[in-house]
Amino acid sequence: MLARPVPSLRSLTLAAVAALISVGAALALAAPAHAQFAFGSFATQGDANAGWVNEENSPPGSTEQQSISLFVNGTSASDFSAAARAKFTGVAGPAPALPPSFDFKVFTVGGSGGSVRLVVRFSDGGRGELRPASLEANAWTHIDGAGRDWDNYGGTCGFRSSQSYAEVVACHPGAAVSIVEVINDSGWLYVGGFQMLVDNVSYGGETVSAPPPPVLGETVGLARISGGVIVRYPGRRRRGQIVRLRGSVPVPVESVIDARRGRVRLVSSKGGKRRQRAVFRSGSFKVKQARKRGGLTDLVLRGALFGCSTRTAGDAEASRLRRRRRLWGSGSGSYRTLGSYSSGSVRGTKWLTVDSCGGTLTVVVEGVVLVHDFTTGKTIAVRAGHRYFASAR
């Protein structure tokens, strides 16, 4: 009988490493890690607004005095057009074993109409919804996803109510989670205005109770001060990607902020934990920021200048009536407004930029603005009480 060869120490080592790699890969496939769960964005439609607001009476366990506000206003019991949503990031992948949960607070008593509800959307087109059945006014209520308060839609089960979280997940075999959001769309039930506060949104063992801070070159913080402020997220022109702002919100750079009828505070990063702040009003602008250059934040004036190419006998009168775009700014930090024919850089001042067919006007009320004239290529220091007009010709 032939003896079997004894493997060398080197071959044993390689085999052990291969086995460990195989086991590690299997574990990775069995339990993929989620990205960090965090607040992502708001979306509103119809008569609705959304944002982070300060709430003195925070729910138990909250570490911040900020809560998500979702407000909708229906005009009648058949008006289902208003909706406000808070969307979260770091959810893509298989559904976690731990059920989601959240806290909410309302200021009225009655039926919920399905709001506020936490929605888990799956890649197969189905979804699970966690919602309260009734509302208790002026008190924080915890909705524990471990109960049988789930409704299932789609998947292999169709519609089923009063389900557990595990039963909902089982209805979507092999499907990944694509979206997690919190929705208020019950304005039809409470005509005249219906506000929800939401806090401590938990998913996969991680809890969100405050918005993330601005990140250099990636996001800025906005806070509505007064009037109407509308935010359009970059590259998203479909319905539901516009936010009528209430309170504050972090938004990605390249977003367009319409403050023609309101005032908004913009907070941007200068790198690390350093911040800069300024207030803008009476204009619409796109916010831009590079990852370098000391946190310089650009505000590009938006809005069409109609009729600039007309060459008729009535040009003088038409020019007087043409729309102008403008933006007031006041604050400290490194900001720059960009019109069609010049830019104005500031580091703590109050100034006005007006764009027209004939050129770009910079008016300085306080401080100094460095105006770069695109036509001449020159840079002029404009001080308080003075103005500079960069002509189109």
Protein backbone atom coordinates (compact mmCIF):
# COMPACT_ATOMS: atom_id res chain seq x y z
CA MET A 1 0.00 0.00 0.00
CA LEU A 2 1.45 3.34 -1.04
CA ALA A 3 1.78 6.08 1.54
CA ARG A 4 0.06 9.41 0.71
CA PRO A 5 2.48 12.32 0.31
CA VAL A 6 2.59 14.76 3.22
CA PRO A 7 1.90 18.36 2.09
CA SER A 8 4.62 20.88 2.73
CA LEU A 9 4.23 23.71 5.26
CA ARG A 10 4.12 26.19 2.37
CA SER A 11 1.28 24.36 0.64
CA LEU A 12 -0.63 24.16 3.95
CA THR A 13 -0.22 27.91 4.42
CA LEU A 14 -1.46 28.73 0.93
CA ALA A 15 -4.41 26.41 1.38
CA ALA A 16 -5.31 28.07 4.69
CA VAL A 17 -5.10 31.54 3.15
CA ALA A 18 -7.29 30.44 0.25
CA ALA A 19 -9.82 29.01 2.68
CA LEU A 20 -9.89 32.24 4.69
CA ILE A 21 -10.38 34.29 1.55
CA SER A 22 -13.22 31.99 0.49
CA VAL A 23 -14.90 32.27 3.89
CA GLY A 24 -14.45 36.05 3.93
CA ALA A 25 -16.00 36.40 0.49
CA ALA A 26 -18.95 34.25 1.54
CA LEU A 27 -19.48 36.35 4.65
CA ALA A 28 -19.30 39.54 2.61
CA LEU A 29 -21.96 38.23 0.24
CA ALA A 30 -24.14 37.03 3.11
CA ALA A 31 -24.05 40.33 5.02
CA PRO A 32 -23.08 43.29 2.82
CA ALA A 33 -22.37 46.48 4.70
CA HIS A 34 -24.63 49.50 4.15
CA ALA A 35 -23.15 52.92 3.60
CA GLN A 36 -23.73 55.29 6.49
CA PHE A 37 -27.42 56.05 6.90
CA ALA A 38 -27.94 59.83 6.66
CA PHE A 39 -30.42 62.51 5.66
CA GLY A 40 -30.32 63.11 1.91
CA SER A 41 -32.85 65.62 0.59
CA PHE A 42 -36.37 67.01 0.73
CA ALA A 43 -38.97 67.04 -2.04
CA THR A 44 -42.32 68.82 -2.17
CA GLN A 45 -45.20 69.08 -4.60
CA GLY A 46 -48.33 71.18 -4.57
CA ASP A 47 -48.94 73.43 -1.57
CA ALA A 48 -46.29 71.96 0.73
CA ASN A 49 -42.98 72.81 2.35
CA ALA A 50 -40.24 70.95 4.21
CA GLY A 51 -37.09 71.56 6.22
CA TRP A 52 -35.26 71.05 9.48
CA VAL A 53 -36.70 73.22 12.28
CA ASN A 54 -35.69 73.88 15.87
CA GLU A 55 -37.91 72.07 18.37
CA GLU A 56 -37.45 72.85 22.05
CA ASN A 57 -39.32 69.74 23.20
CA SER A 58 -37.32 67.03 21.46
CA PRO A 59 -38.39 63.39 21.70
CA PRO A 60 -36.73 61.09 24.27
CA GLY A 61 -33.29 59.96 23.18
CA SER A 62 -32.74 62.83 20.74
CA THR A 63 -29.33 64.51 20.98
CA GLU A 64 -30.30 67.57 18.91
CA GLN A 65 -33.05 70.19 19.08
CA GLN A 66 -33.77 69.84 15.39
CA SER A 67 -36.60 67.91 13.78
CA ILE A 68 -37.86 67.34 10.26
CA SER A 69 -40.92 69.44 9.40
CA LEU A 70 -43.27 68.19 6.67
CA PHE A 71 -46.18 70.56 5.96
CA VAL A 72 -49.01 70.04 3.45
CA ASN A 73 -52.13 72.07 2.74
CA GLY A 74 -55.09 70.61 0.88
CA THR A 75 -57.79 72.85 -0.57
CA SER A 76 -60.53 70.21 -0.20
CA ALA A 77 -61.19 66.62 0.82
CA SER A 78 -60.52 65.57 -2.77
CA ASP A 79 -57.22 67.47 -3.15
CA PHE A 80 -54.44 64.87 -3.12
CA SER A 81 -51.81 66.99 -4.87
CA ALA A 82 -49.79 68.19 -1.84
CA ALA A 83 -46.94 66.06 -0.52
CA ALA A 84 -43.73 66.62 1.44
CA ARG A 85 -40.96 64.01 1.66
CA ALA A 86 -37.67 63.51 3.45
CA LYS A 87 -35.33 61.12 1.67
CA PHE A 88 -32.36 59.29 3.15
CA THR A 89 -29.09 57.98 1.77
CA GLY A 90 -26.96 54.95 2.67
CA VAL A 91 -29.81 52.46 2.22
CA ALA A 92 -28.95 50.64 -1.02
CA GLY A 93 -28.58 46.87 -0.62
CA PRO A 94 -30.45 44.03 1.10
CA ALA A 95 -32.98 45.00 3.76
CA PRO A 96 -31.37 44.98 7.22
CA ALA A 97 -32.62 42.52 9.84
CA LEU A 98 -33.36 45.27 12.36
CA PRO A 99 -36.74 46.95 11.65
CA PRO A 100 -36.80 50.72 10.95
CA SER A 101 -38.52 53.08 13.38
CA PHE A 102 -39.18 56.80 13.90
CA ASP A 103 -40.72 59.39 16.23
CA PHE A 104 -43.36 61.91 15.14
CA LYS A 105 -45.40 64.76 16.54
CA VAL A 106 -48.56 66.46 15.27
CA PHE A 107 -50.71 69.33 16.47
CA THR A 108 -54.14 67.89 15.79
CA VAL A 109 -56.21 64.88 16.84
CA GLY A 110 -57.88 62.38 14.53
CA GLY A 111 -57.16 59.85 11.81
CA SER A 112 -53.74 59.81 10.19
CA GLY A 113 -54.83 59.41 6.57
CA GLY A 114 -51.69 57.32 6.15
CA SER A 115 -49.32 60.08 7.27
CA VAL A 116 -46.72 60.34 8.45
CA ARG A 117 -45.32 57.05 7.11
CA LEU A 118 -41.88 55.58 6.59
CA VAL A 119 -41.62 53.92 3.19
CA VAL A 120 -39.07 51.27 2.22
CA ARG A 121 -39.00 50.87 -1.56
CA PHE A 122 -37.60 47.70 -3.14
CA SER A 123 -35.86 47.19 -6.47
CA ASP A 124 -38.75 44.98 -7.68
CA GLY A 125 -41.05 48.01 -7.66
CA GLY A 126 -42.84 47.08 -4.44
CA ARG A 127 -42.69 48.74 -1.04
CA GLY A 128 -43.41 48.45 2.64
CA GLU A 129 -45.04 51.27 4.63
CA LEU A 130 -44.85 51.85 8.39
CA ARG A 131 -47.53 54.24 9.61
CA PRO A 132 -49.67 55.21 12.63
CA ALA A 133 -53.41 54.58 12.63
CA SER A 134 -54.35 57.62 14.74
CA LEU A 135 -52.81 60.87 15.94
CA GLU A 136 -52.25 62.30 19.41
CA ALA A 137 -51.81 66.06 19.49
CA ASN A 138 -48.74 67.82 20.93
CA ALA A 139 -46.98 64.65 22.01
CA TRP A 140 -44.09 62.68 20.54
CA THR A 141 -45.13 59.19 19.48
CA HIS A 142 -42.67 56.37 18.78
CA ILE A 143 -43.50 54.07 15.86
CA ASP A 144 -41.63 50.84 16.46
CA GLY A 145 -41.18 48.86 13.27
CA ALA A 146 -41.04 45.62 15.28
CA GLY A 147 -44.84 45.58 15.55
CA ARG A 148 -47.48 44.65 12.99
CA ASP A 149 -47.98 48.19 11.68
CA TRP A 150 -46.64 47.53 8.17
CA ASP A 151 -48.53 47.48 4.88
CA ASN A 152 -47.01 45.63 1.94
CA TYR A 153 -47.45 46.57 -1.70
CA GLY A 154 -46.28 44.48 -4.64
CA GLY A 155 -43.64 41.77 -4.68
CA THR A 156 -44.90 38.19 -4.42
CA CYS A 157 -47.67 39.09 -1.95
CA GLY A 158 -49.53 41.99 -3.50
CA PHE A 159 -51.28 44.19 -0.96
CA ARG A 160 -51.33 43.00 2.65
CA SER A 161 -52.04 45.10 5.72
CA SER A 162 -51.03 44.65 9.38
CA GLN A 163 -47.82 42.85 8.50
CA SER A 164 -44.59 42.49 10.44
CA TYR A 165 -41.35 43.87 9.02
CA ALA A 166 -40.04 40.33 8.43
CA GLU A 167 -43.20 39.43 6.50
CA VAL A 168 -42.83 42.53 4.30
CA VAL A 169 -39.19 41.70 3.51
CA ALA A 170 -40.16 38.10 2.72
CA CYS A 171 -42.63 39.40 0.12
CA HIS A 172 -39.69 40.76 -1.91
CA PRO A 173 -37.24 37.83 -2.23
CA GLY A 174 -33.92 38.77 -3.80
CA ALA A 175 -34.89 42.46 -4.04
CA ALA A 176 -32.63 45.21 -2.70
CA VAL A 177 -33.77 48.36 -0.92
CA SER A 178 -33.57 51.34 -3.27
CA ILE A 179 -35.18 54.20 -1.31
CA VAL A 180 -36.12 54.98 2.28
CA GLU A 181 -38.26 58.08 2.80
CA VAL A 182 -40.73 59.65 5.20
CA ILE A 183 -43.90 61.13 3.64
CA ASN A 184 -46.73 63.46 4.64
CA ASP A 185 -49.49 63.68 2.01
CA SER A 186 -52.64 63.91 4.14
CA GLY A 187 -53.48 67.53 3.41
CA TRP A 188 -56.80 66.34 2.00
CA LEU A 189 -57.78 65.14 5.47
CA TYR A 190 -56.92 68.37 7.30
CA VAL A 191 -57.82 71.20 4.95
CA GLY A 192 -56.08 74.43 5.85
CA GLY A 193 -52.72 72.97 6.81
CA PHE A 194 -51.28 69.79 8.32
CA GLN A 195 -47.78 69.75 9.84
CA MET A 196 -45.77 66.76 10.99
CA LEU A 197 -42.52 66.78 12.94
CA VAL A 198 -40.31 63.72 12.53
CA ASP A 199 -37.21 62.75 14.50
CA ASN A 200 -34.95 59.81 15.38
CA VAL A 201 -35.42 58.02 12.07
CA SER A 202 -33.69 54.66 12.49
CA TYR A 203 -32.59 52.22 9.78
CA GLY A 204 -30.21 49.28 10.07
CA GLY A 205 -29.28 50.26 13.62
CA GLU A 206 -28.31 53.84 12.67
CA THR A 207 -30.37 56.87 13.72
CA VAL A 208 -30.71 60.30 12.09
CA SER A 209 -31.74 63.18 14.36
CA ALA A 210 -30.01 66.19 12.72
CA PRO A 211 -28.93 67.33 9.25
CA PRO A 212 -25.28 66.86 8.22
CA PRO A 213 -22.97 69.93 8.18
CA PRO A 214 -21.81 71.53 4.90
CA VAL A 215 -18.94 69.79 3.12
CA LEU A 216 -16.35 71.76 1.13
CA GLY A 217 -17.06 71.48 -2.58
CA GLU A 218 -20.03 69.16 -2.06
CA THR A 219 -22.85 70.70 -0.01
CA VAL A 220 -23.94 74.01 1.54
CA GLY A 221 -26.51 74.75 4.21
CA LEU A 222 -29.58 76.90 3.54
CA ALA A 223 -31.93 78.43 6.10
CA ARG A 224 -35.08 80.33 5.13
CA ILE A 225 -35.32 83.63 7.02
CA SER A 226 -38.51 85.06 5.52
CA GLY A 227 -40.74 84.96 2.47
CA GLY A 228 -40.81 82.19 -0.08
CA VAL A 229 -37.63 80.27 -0.88
CA ILE A 230 -37.57 77.47 -3.47
CA VAL A 231 -34.69 75.04 -4.06
CA ARG A 232 -34.17 72.98 -7.22
CA TYR A 233 -31.67 70.15 -6.89
CA PRO A 234 -29.05 69.82 -9.66
CA GLY A 235 -29.90 67.68 -12.67
CA ARG A 236 -33.36 66.83 -11.39
CA ARG A 237 -36.19 68.38 -13.36
CA ARG A 238 -38.82 65.74 -12.74
CA ARG A 239 -41.79 66.43 -10.51
CA GLY A 240 -40.99 66.11 -6.82
CA GLN A 241 -37.39 67.32 -6.98
CA ILE A 242 -38.23 70.90 -6.03
CA VAL A 243 -38.37 71.99 -2.40
CA ARG A 244 -40.38 74.85 -0.96
CA LEU A 245 -38.18 75.52 2.01
CA ARG A 246 -39.26 75.69 5.64
CA GLY A 247 -36.47 75.95 8.20
CA SER A 248 -33.09 74.74 6.97
CA VAL A 249 -31.69 72.10 4.64
CA PRO A 250 -28.31 70.94 3.31
CA VAL A 251 -28.21 70.99 -0.50
CA PRO A 252 -25.57 69.89 -3.02
CA VAL A 253 -23.57 72.49 -4.90
CA GLU A 254 -24.99 73.26 -8.36
CA SER A 255 -28.44 73.63 -6.77
CA VAL A 256 -30.54 76.63 -7.84
CA ILE A 257 -32.03 78.80 -5.07
CA ASP A 258 -34.97 81.07 -5.90
CA ALA A 259 -35.06 83.83 -3.28
CA ARG A 260 -36.79 86.44 -5.43
CA ARG A 261 -39.60 86.63 -2.86
CA GLY A 262 -37.67 85.73 0.25
CA ARG A 263 -34.45 85.86 2.26
CA VAL A 264 -32.15 82.90 2.82
CA ARG A 265 -29.01 82.35 4.88
CA LEU A 266 -26.28 80.36 3.14
CA VAL A 267 -23.63 78.56 5.19
CA SER A 268 -20.67 77.03 3.38
CA SER A 269 -17.51 75.29 4.48
CA LYS A 270 -14.03 76.78 4.39
CA GLY A 271 -12.48 73.40 5.08
CA GLY A 272 -12.54 71.34 8.27
CA LYS A 273 -14.95 72.78 10.82
CA ARG A 274 -14.62 76.38 9.61
CA ARG A 275 -17.82 77.99 8.31
CA GLN A 276 -18.82 81.21 6.53
CA ARG A 277 -22.27 82.79 6.36
CA ALA A 278 -24.10 85.30 4.21
CA VAL A 279 -27.73 86.31 3.58
CA PHE A 280 -29.15 86.65 0.06
CA ARG A 281 -32.46 88.00 -1.20
CA SER A 282 -34.38 89.39 -4.17
CA GLY A 283 -32.81 87.06 -6.69
CA SER A 284 -32.33 83.59 -8.08
CA PHE A 285 -28.90 81.99 -8.23
CA LYS A 286 -26.98 78.76 -8.66
CA VAL A 287 -24.51 77.97 -5.89
CA LYS A 288 -21.10 76.60 -6.83
CA GLN A 289 -17.98 75.79 -4.82
CA ALA A 290 -14.67 74.16 -5.68
CA ARG A 291 -12.97 71.71 -3.35
CA LYS A 292 -10.02 74.09 -3.02
CA ARG A 293 -9.52 77.87 -3.20
CA GLY A 294 -10.18 78.48 0.49
CA GLY A 295 -13.93 77.88 0.39
CA LEU A 296 -14.73 80.50 -2.27
CA THR A 297 -18.48 80.16 -2.90
CA ASP A 298 -19.87 81.35 -6.23
CA LEU A 299 -23.40 82.64 -6.72
CA VAL A 300 -24.29 82.65 -10.42
CA LEU A 301 -27.27 84.86 -11.22
CA ARG A 302 -30.13 82.97 -12.85
CA GLY A 303 -33.16 84.05 -14.85
CA ALA A 304 -33.59 84.87 -18.51
CA LEU A 305 -32.80 88.32 -19.94
CA PHE A 306 -35.50 88.55 -22.58
CA GLY A 307 -35.11 90.51 -25.81
CA CYS A 308 -31.38 91.22 -25.60
CA SER A 309 -30.87 90.36 -29.27
CA THR A 310 -33.68 92.57 -30.69
CA ARG A 311 -32.64 95.36 -33.04
CA THR A 312 -35.77 97.36 -33.84
CA ALA A 313 -36.86 100.94 -33.84
CA GLY A 314 -38.37 100.44 -30.42
CA ASP A 315 -35.13 99.24 -28.85
CA ALA A 316 -34.88 102.09 -26.36
CA GLU A 317 -38.35 101.52 -24.93
CA ALA A 318 -37.94 97.72 -25.03
CA SER A 319 -34.65 98.00 -23.17
CA ARG A 320 -36.33 100.00 -20.42
CA LEU A 321 -39.00 97.36 -19.99
CA ARG A 322 -36.79 94.29 -20.21
CA ARG A 323 -36.48 92.03 -17.22
CA ARG A 324 -33.40 92.40 -15.11
CA ARG A 325 -31.99 89.85 -12.73
CA ARG A 326 -30.50 90.93 -9.43
CA LEU A 327 -29.22 89.66 -6.11
CA TRP A 328 -28.63 91.37 -2.77
CA GLY A 329 -25.95 89.89 -0.53
CA SER A 330 -24.78 90.63 3.01
CA GLY A 331 -22.40 88.70 5.23
CA SER A 332 -18.87 87.59 5.98
CA GLY A 333 -16.69 85.05 4.26
CA SER A 334 -15.41 84.38 0.78
CA TYR A 335 -18.31 84.85 -1.65
CA ARG A 336 -18.47 85.89 -5.30
CA THR A 337 -21.47 86.88 -7.40
CA LEU A 338 -21.29 86.28 -11.15
CA GLY A 339 -23.33 88.22 -13.69
CA SER A 340 -23.06 88.15 -17.46
CA TYR A 341 -20.31 90.76 -17.74
CA SER A 342 -18.55 90.87 -14.37
CA SER A 343 -18.00 89.11 -11.08
CA GLY A 344 -17.82 90.61 -7.60
CA SER A 345 -15.67 89.05 -4.85
CA VAL A 346 -16.27 89.95 -1.20
CA ARG A 347 -15.01 89.00 2.23
CA GLY A 348 -17.61 90.63 4.43
CA THR A 349 -19.84 93.36 3.04
CA LYS A 350 -23.26 94.34 1.71
CA TRP A 351 -23.68 94.63 -2.03
CA LEU A 352 -26.09 94.44 -4.97
CA THR A 353 -25.51 92.84 -8.36
CA VAL A 354 -27.84 93.73 -11.24
CA ASP A 355 -27.63 92.00 -14.63
CA SER A 356 -29.21 93.51 -17.75
CA CYS A 357 -28.81 93.34 -21.51
CA GLY A 358 -26.48 96.34 -21.40
CA GLY A 359 -24.11 95.05 -18.73
CA THR A 360 -23.63 94.13 -15.06
CA LEU A 361 -23.93 96.73 -12.29
CA THR A 362 -22.30 96.30 -8.86
CA VAL A 363 -23.44 98.59 -6.04
CA VAL A 364 -21.52 98.50 -2.73
CA VAL A 365 -23.34 99.57 0.44
CA GLU A 366 -20.76 98.38 2.99
CA GLY A 367 -17.21 97.11 2.72
CA VAL A 368 -15.28 96.55 -0.53
CA VAL A 369 -16.08 94.45 -3.60
CA LEU A 370 -13.40 93.43 -6.10
CA VAL A 371 -15.16 93.60 -9.47
CA HIS A 372 -13.63 91.73 -12.37
CA ASP A 373 -14.82 93.16 -15.70
CA PHE A 374 -15.12 90.33 -18.24
CA THR A 375 -15.05 92.75 -21.19
CA THR A 376 -11.92 94.72 -20.28
CA GLY A 377 -10.21 92.07 -18.20
CA LYS A 378 -9.56 94.59 -15.41
CA THR A 379 -10.25 94.18 -11.67
CA ILE A 380 -11.52 97.27 -9.80
CA ALA A 381 -11.90 97.73 -6.04
CA VAL A 382 -15.33 99.29 -5.47
CA ARG A 383 -15.84 100.76 -1.99
CA ALA A 384 -18.93 101.59 0.04
CA GLY A 385 -21.07 104.30 -1.52
CA HIS A 386 -19.77 103.60 -5.04
CA ARG A 387 -20.79 101.48 -8.00
CA TYR A 388 -19.29 99.97 -11.11
CA PHE A 389 -20.98 99.15 -14.42
CA ALA A 390 -19.37 96.51 -16.64
CA SER A 391 -20.71 97.26 -20.10
CA ALA A 392 -21.60 94.56 -22.58
CA ARG A 393 -19.74 96.58 -25.24
